[in-house]
Amino acid sequence: MRSGILAAGNWIRDHVKTVDAWPEQDGLATILEHSVGNGGGPYNLLKDLARMGAPFPLAGAGLLGDDDDGRAVLAECRALGIDAAQLRTAPGRTTSYTDVITVRGTGRRTFFHHRGANALFGAEHIDLERSRARIFYLGYLLLLDALDAPGADAAPRALDVLRRARACGMETSIDCVSAAGDRFRAVVAPVLPEVDVLFANDYEAEQLAGIALGRGAAIDRAAVERAARALAGLGVRRWAVVHFPEGACACSSAGQVVWQAAVRVPPREVRGSAGAGDALAAGVLLGEHEGWPMARALELGVCAAATSLLHPNCSDSVGPSAQCLAFGREHGFAALP
């Protein structure tokens, strides 16, 4: 019987700097804090699940550099109980890293990314047949050069990876990065018929669905639902999950819609929002693995995302799932627009 999650794709070391303000070009900002932590969808997702106490095996697949950052990733996986047998080293390459600049007063962040070894990560680096995982997660599309590139059939090479994972008996899930440009329809849309659970933030949903959602107090709830339905209509097999700072909306392939408002986290407690979307995905996939209704999985997802805001790094403030839920219920949930 299959059990666990195999997460593949971007393994990144985040160098997180908290600044007093975002400067104009050629201006100066003061760095108030600096730390190094996990980054990238698979790394964040698996670390969140480990810290939440997921009751099933966790494994990763990816490419690292032969450097201090790569060795730090492997050491943390060992400490967390994450199977790193499919985390390979690319000779002559550096481990991918991102400078994450977070403004203290707003929690908003900006990313400066070096692709490193991740640019070479391809289908040949994932041994799907040896895995007994129940769920295969791939992220981030649009930031995996080899898998984003078209194959012999002109479709992104990621399509074949997801197809093979499903043929092995796994459920599949993907996330993408909020890249600028028009690549969403060329790279992400073609793979959706092989995806069971899609995660997309508000920007990514807009790009895929072609529907403007608005932001903050101006976000359009009806537009969010239309976008979630549109994503499901592109071929997603089970759930299209659209998340945004005020909450999340999931639409099933059968047309069922589930809403969940975000936790009311006091602004003074927010230390950074990097990794919040991955924490939400971790909570939802924990529930998906355990057969929970989507409403229950979304609640854990937004609660895990809320706790991730309490530290500048992506995962260091995420705790056991019961604590995440208790934090959310203690602070309450915001009213959806």
Protein backbone atom coordinates (compact mmCIF):
# COMPACT_ATOMS: atom_id res chain seq x y z
CA MET A 1 0.00 0.00 0.00
CA ARG A 2 1.32 3.42 -0.95
CA SER A 3 2.14 5.95 1.78
CA GLY A 4 3.95 9.24 2.00
CA ILE A 5 4.93 12.17 -0.20
CA LEU A 6 7.79 12.39 -2.70
CA ALA A 7 8.52 16.06 -3.42
CA ALA A 8 10.71 16.97 -6.38
CA GLY A 9 11.95 20.16 -8.00
CA ASN A 10 13.63 23.28 -6.62
CA TRP A 11 15.87 22.86 -3.58
CA ILE A 12 17.01 26.32 -2.56
CA ARG A 13 18.82 27.97 0.31
CA ASP A 14 17.13 31.25 1.20
CA HIS A 15 19.29 34.09 2.47
CA VAL A 16 16.64 36.16 4.21
CA LYS A 17 17.31 39.82 4.95
CA THR A 18 14.81 42.01 6.79
CA VAL A 19 15.17 45.70 5.87
CA ASP A 20 13.73 48.89 7.27
CA ALA A 21 12.24 50.03 3.93
CA TRP A 22 12.39 49.24 0.22
CA PRO A 23 14.75 51.77 -1.40
CA GLU A 24 14.51 53.54 -4.70
CA GLN A 25 17.05 52.36 -7.28
CA ASP A 26 20.52 53.59 -6.27
CA GLY A 27 19.18 54.18 -2.75
CA LEU A 28 20.13 52.48 0.52
CA ALA A 29 18.21 50.33 2.98
CA THR A 30 19.35 49.11 6.39
CA ILE A 31 19.47 45.35 6.97
CA LEU A 32 17.89 44.72 10.38
CA GLU A 33 18.11 40.92 10.44
CA HIS A 34 19.80 38.20 8.39
CA SER A 35 19.27 34.43 8.47
CA VAL A 36 19.68 31.42 6.19
CA GLY A 37 17.01 28.79 5.74
CA ASN A 38 15.10 26.50 3.41
CA GLY A 39 13.55 27.61 0.13
CA GLY A 40 11.84 26.11 -2.90
CA GLY A 41 8.60 24.17 -3.06
CA PRO A 42 9.82 20.63 -2.24
CA TYR A 43 12.17 21.73 0.53
CA ASN A 44 9.60 24.02 2.16
CA LEU A 45 6.77 21.50 1.80
CA LEU A 46 8.71 18.59 3.31
CA LYS A 47 10.16 20.64 6.15
CA ASP A 48 6.70 22.00 6.99
CA LEU A 49 5.24 18.49 6.95
CA ALA A 50 8.05 17.19 9.16
CA ARG A 51 7.53 20.01 11.66
CA MET A 52 3.76 19.44 11.56
CA GLY A 53 4.33 15.79 12.51
CA ALA A 54 3.00 14.23 9.31
CA PRO A 55 2.29 10.56 10.10
CA PHE A 56 3.75 9.21 6.86
CA PRO A 57 7.12 8.99 5.07
CA LEU A 58 8.67 12.06 3.47
CA ALA A 59 11.19 11.97 0.61
CA GLY A 60 12.80 14.49 -1.70
CA ALA A 61 14.26 14.49 -5.21
CA GLY A 62 16.44 17.24 -6.60
CA LEU A 63 19.90 18.49 -7.53
CA LEU A 64 22.30 20.23 -5.15
CA GLY A 65 25.75 21.71 -5.58
CA ASP A 66 28.87 20.29 -3.98
CA ASP A 67 29.10 23.18 -1.55
CA ASP A 68 28.26 24.27 1.98
CA ASP A 69 24.64 25.07 1.09
CA GLY A 70 24.15 21.60 -0.40
CA ARG A 71 25.68 19.91 2.62
CA ALA A 72 23.46 21.99 4.90
CA VAL A 73 20.36 20.81 2.99
CA LEU A 74 21.37 17.17 3.38
CA ALA A 75 22.14 17.63 7.07
CA GLU A 76 18.75 19.20 7.72
CA CYS A 77 16.97 16.39 5.85
CA ARG A 78 18.73 13.85 8.07
CA ALA A 79 17.74 15.81 11.18
CA LEU A 80 14.10 16.01 10.07
CA GLY A 81 13.81 12.38 8.97
CA ILE A 82 13.37 13.25 5.27
CA ASP A 83 14.64 10.55 2.90
CA ALA A 84 17.33 12.27 0.80
CA ALA A 85 18.37 9.26 -1.32
CA GLN A 86 17.18 11.06 -4.47
CA LEU A 87 18.88 14.35 -3.64
CA ARG A 88 21.86 14.21 -5.98
CA THR A 89 24.95 16.42 -6.38
CA ALA A 90 25.74 18.20 -9.66
CA PRO A 91 29.53 18.52 -10.03
CA GLY A 92 30.73 22.02 -10.76
CA ARG A 93 27.40 23.62 -9.89
CA THR A 94 26.39 25.68 -6.88
CA THR A 95 23.30 24.93 -4.85
CA SER A 96 20.47 27.21 -5.91
CA TYR A 97 19.96 30.17 -3.63
CA THR A 98 17.66 33.16 -3.29
CA ASP A 99 18.20 36.49 -1.59
CA VAL A 100 14.83 37.20 0.05
CA ILE A 101 14.41 40.85 1.02
CA THR A 102 11.55 41.41 3.48
CA VAL A 103 10.35 44.87 4.53
CA ARG A 104 9.73 44.84 8.27
CA GLY A 105 6.78 47.21 8.32
CA THR A 106 4.74 45.38 5.67
CA GLY A 107 6.03 41.79 5.57
CA ARG A 108 6.24 42.06 1.77
CA ARG A 109 9.18 40.34 0.14
CA THR A 110 11.22 40.50 -3.06
CA PHE A 111 13.31 37.65 -4.46
CA PHE A 112 16.68 37.67 -6.24
CA HIS A 113 17.28 34.12 -7.45
CA HIS A 114 20.29 32.13 -8.68
CA ARG A 115 19.18 28.93 -10.43
CA GLY A 116 22.36 26.94 -9.81
CA ALA A 117 22.04 23.16 -9.96
CA ASN A 118 18.24 23.36 -10.26
CA ALA A 119 18.60 24.46 -13.88
CA LEU A 120 19.83 20.95 -14.75
CA PHE A 121 17.18 19.00 -12.85
CA GLY A 122 15.33 16.72 -15.25
CA ALA A 123 13.27 13.56 -15.51
CA GLU A 124 16.39 11.40 -15.35
CA HIS A 125 16.99 12.57 -11.77
CA ILE A 126 13.66 11.20 -10.44
CA ASP A 127 13.33 7.46 -9.87
CA LEU A 128 9.55 7.21 -9.67
CA GLU A 129 9.51 3.44 -9.95
CA ARG A 130 11.49 2.95 -6.72
CA SER A 131 9.18 5.21 -4.70
CA ARG A 132 6.26 3.87 -2.67
CA ALA A 133 4.87 7.37 -2.05
CA ARG A 134 1.16 8.00 -2.36
CA ILE A 135 1.55 11.62 -3.55
CA PHE A 136 4.10 13.04 -5.98
CA TYR A 137 4.60 16.81 -5.70
CA LEU A 138 6.50 18.85 -8.32
CA GLY A 139 7.45 22.49 -7.86
CA TYR A 140 8.13 25.06 -8.99
CA LEU A 141 7.15 24.97 -12.65
CA LEU A 142 8.47 28.06 -14.50
CA LEU A 143 11.67 27.78 -12.41
CA LEU A 144 12.89 24.36 -13.59
CA ASP A 145 14.63 25.01 -16.88
CA ALA A 146 14.99 21.40 -18.04
CA LEU A 147 11.44 20.36 -17.11
CA ASP A 148 9.87 23.58 -18.39
CA ALA A 149 11.49 23.08 -21.79
CA PRO A 150 9.48 21.41 -24.57
CA GLY A 151 10.11 17.73 -25.28
CA ALA A 152 9.80 15.80 -28.51
CA ASP A 153 6.02 16.31 -28.56
CA ALA A 154 6.42 20.08 -27.96
CA ALA A 155 4.81 19.73 -24.51
CA PRO A 156 6.81 20.65 -21.38
CA ARG A 157 8.97 17.75 -20.21
CA ALA A 158 7.23 18.01 -16.84
CA LEU A 159 4.13 16.52 -18.48
CA ASP A 160 5.86 13.18 -19.02
CA VAL A 161 7.13 13.13 -15.41
CA LEU A 162 3.61 13.68 -14.06
CA ARG A 163 2.18 11.12 -16.47
CA ARG A 164 4.72 8.53 -15.30
CA ALA A 165 4.00 9.30 -11.66
CA ARG A 166 0.30 8.67 -12.21
CA ALA A 167 1.09 5.47 -14.12
CA CYS A 168 3.05 4.31 -11.06
CA GLY A 169 -0.09 4.77 -8.95
CA MET A 170 0.64 8.14 -7.35
CA GLU A 171 -1.58 11.17 -6.99
CA THR A 172 0.11 14.26 -8.40
CA SER A 173 0.35 17.85 -7.23
CA ILE A 174 2.13 20.88 -8.64
CA ASP A 175 2.93 24.46 -7.75
CA CYS A 176 4.47 27.16 -9.92
CA VAL A 177 6.41 30.34 -9.31
CA SER A 178 5.01 33.83 -9.83
CA ALA A 179 7.14 34.51 -12.90
CA ALA A 180 6.45 37.51 -15.08
CA GLY A 181 5.57 37.05 -18.73
CA ASP A 182 3.25 34.84 -20.73
CA ARG A 183 4.77 31.42 -20.02
CA PHE A 184 1.96 30.15 -17.77
CA ARG A 185 -0.18 28.99 -20.67
CA ALA A 186 2.77 27.45 -22.51
CA VAL A 187 4.36 25.64 -19.54
CA VAL A 188 1.72 25.14 -16.83
CA ALA A 189 -1.59 24.73 -18.66
CA PRO A 190 -0.47 21.73 -20.79
CA VAL A 191 0.40 19.61 -17.73
CA LEU A 192 -2.87 20.13 -15.83
CA PRO A 193 -4.66 17.02 -17.18
CA GLU A 194 -2.02 14.95 -15.33
CA VAL A 195 -2.40 16.92 -12.07
CA ASP A 196 -4.67 15.88 -9.19
CA VAL A 197 -4.12 18.93 -6.96
CA LEU A 198 -3.01 22.32 -8.30
CA PHE A 199 -1.86 25.16 -6.08
CA ALA A 200 -1.88 28.71 -7.50
CA ASN A 201 -1.69 32.05 -5.75
CA ASP A 202 -3.78 35.00 -6.90
CA TYR A 203 -1.21 36.23 -9.44
CA GLU A 204 -0.65 32.75 -10.88
CA ALA A 205 -4.39 32.09 -11.08
CA GLU A 206 -4.85 35.34 -12.98
CA GLN A 207 -2.17 34.38 -15.48
CA LEU A 208 -3.57 30.88 -16.03
CA ALA A 209 -7.26 31.72 -16.06
CA GLY A 210 -7.05 35.16 -17.68
CA ILE A 211 -9.33 36.62 -14.99
CA ALA A 212 -8.44 39.71 -12.93
CA LEU A 213 -8.95 39.03 -9.21
CA GLY A 214 -8.02 42.33 -7.55
CA ARG A 215 -5.87 42.63 -4.44
CA GLY A 216 -6.44 43.19 -0.74
CA ALA A 217 -9.72 44.87 0.13
CA ALA A 218 -10.47 45.10 -3.60
CA ILE A 219 -10.19 41.38 -4.25
CA ASP A 220 -13.27 40.10 -6.09
CA ARG A 221 -14.64 36.95 -4.46
CA ALA A 222 -16.78 36.10 -7.48
CA ALA A 223 -13.73 36.46 -9.74
CA VAL A 224 -11.69 34.18 -7.48
CA GLU A 225 -14.37 31.51 -7.75
CA ARG A 226 -14.53 31.91 -11.52
CA ALA A 227 -10.77 31.53 -11.71
CA ALA A 228 -10.80 28.39 -9.55
CA ARG A 229 -13.52 26.91 -11.74
CA ALA A 230 -11.56 27.87 -14.86
CA LEU A 231 -8.43 26.14 -13.55
CA ALA A 232 -10.40 23.01 -12.77
CA GLY A 233 -11.84 23.25 -16.27
CA LEU A 234 -8.32 23.17 -17.75
CA GLY A 235 -8.14 19.51 -16.77
CA VAL A 236 -7.16 19.36 -13.08
CA ARG A 237 -8.31 15.95 -11.92
CA ARG A 238 -9.32 16.63 -8.29
CA TRP A 239 -8.81 20.11 -6.84
CA ALA A 240 -7.65 23.52 -8.03
CA VAL A 241 -6.66 25.54 -4.95
CA VAL A 242 -6.38 29.33 -5.35
CA HIS A 243 -4.88 31.09 -2.33
CA PHE A 244 -4.38 34.75 -1.53
CA PRO A 245 -3.56 36.71 1.66
CA GLU A 246 -7.23 36.89 2.70
CA GLY A 247 -7.98 33.17 2.29
CA ALA A 248 -8.30 30.30 -0.16
CA CYS A 249 -10.82 28.85 -2.58
CA ALA A 250 -10.73 25.24 -3.80
CA CYS A 251 -12.79 23.97 -6.73
CA SER A 252 -13.12 20.28 -7.49
CA SER A 253 -13.29 18.71 -10.94
CA ALA A 254 -16.97 18.03 -10.17
CA GLY A 255 -17.63 21.73 -9.50
CA GLN A 256 -17.72 21.70 -5.68
CA VAL A 257 -16.36 24.95 -4.22
CA VAL A 258 -14.88 25.25 -0.72
CA TRP A 259 -13.83 28.55 0.87
CA GLN A 260 -11.59 29.17 3.86
CA ALA A 261 -10.74 32.59 5.31
CA ALA A 262 -7.21 33.39 6.46
CA VAL A 263 -6.24 33.59 10.13
CA ARG A 264 -6.31 37.05 11.71
CA VAL A 265 -2.60 37.34 12.47
CA PRO A 266 -1.86 40.65 14.23
CA PRO A 267 0.33 42.73 11.88
CA ARG A 268 2.86 43.30 14.66
CA GLU A 269 3.50 39.54 14.77
CA VAL A 270 4.21 39.17 11.04
CA ARG A 271 7.95 38.74 10.46
CA GLY A 272 7.82 37.69 6.79
CA SER A 273 5.55 36.01 4.28
CA ALA A 274 8.11 33.92 2.38
CA GLY A 275 6.95 30.30 2.30
CA ALA A 276 3.36 30.94 3.38
CA GLY A 277 1.94 29.43 0.18
CA ASP A 278 4.06 26.31 0.63
CA ALA A 279 2.90 25.96 4.24
CA LEU A 280 -0.70 26.13 3.01
CA ALA A 281 0.09 23.43 0.44
CA ALA A 282 1.67 21.27 3.15
CA GLY A 283 -1.47 21.45 5.28
CA VAL A 284 -3.75 20.69 2.35
CA LEU A 285 -1.64 17.74 1.15
CA LEU A 286 -1.44 16.33 4.68
CA GLY A 287 -5.23 16.30 4.66
CA GLU A 288 -5.38 14.94 1.10
CA HIS A 289 -3.05 12.11 2.07
CA GLU A 290 -5.16 11.25 5.11
CA GLY A 291 -8.46 11.38 3.21
CA TRP A 292 -9.86 14.48 4.92
CA PRO A 293 -12.66 16.58 3.42
CA MET A 294 -11.24 19.62 1.62
CA ALA A 295 -12.81 22.00 4.18
CA ARG A 296 -10.76 20.40 6.97
CA ALA A 297 -7.59 20.31 4.86
CA LEU A 298 -7.96 23.99 3.90
CA GLU A 299 -8.37 24.97 7.55
CA LEU A 300 -5.09 23.28 8.44
CA GLY A 301 -3.52 24.88 5.36
CA VAL A 302 -4.37 28.46 6.31
CA CYS A 303 -3.40 27.82 9.94
CA ALA A 304 0.00 26.45 8.90
CA ALA A 305 0.44 29.43 6.58
CA ALA A 306 -0.40 31.79 9.45
CA THR A 307 2.22 30.29 11.75
CA SER A 308 4.83 30.53 8.98
CA LEU A 309 4.42 34.32 9.08
CA LEU A 310 5.89 34.47 12.58
CA HIS A 311 9.51 34.02 11.42
CA PRO A 312 11.42 35.59 8.51
CA ASN A 313 12.40 32.12 7.25
CA CYS A 314 9.94 29.91 5.42
CA SER A 315 9.34 27.16 7.99
CA ASP A 316 11.05 27.83 11.30
CA SER A 317 7.87 28.92 13.09
CA VAL A 318 5.65 26.09 11.76
CA GLY A 319 4.86 23.60 14.52
CA PRO A 320 2.82 20.43 15.03
CA SER A 321 -0.49 20.43 13.19
CA ALA A 322 -2.49 20.62 16.44
CA GLN A 323 -0.56 23.76 17.42
CA CYS A 324 -1.14 25.31 13.99
CA LEU A 325 -4.88 24.72 14.32
CA ALA A 326 -4.90 26.05 17.88
CA PHE A 327 -3.12 29.22 16.74
CA GLY A 328 -5.69 29.77 14.03
CA ARG A 329 -8.69 29.16 16.24
CA GLU A 330 -7.27 31.36 18.99
CA HIS A 331 -6.81 34.32 16.65
CA GLY A 332 -9.93 33.64 14.60
CA PHE A 333 -10.51 33.84 10.87
CA ALA A 334 -10.96 37.00 8.85
CA ALA A 335 -14.14 37.74 6.95
CA LEU A 336 -13.77 36.89 3.29
CA PRO A 337 -14.33 39.78 0.86
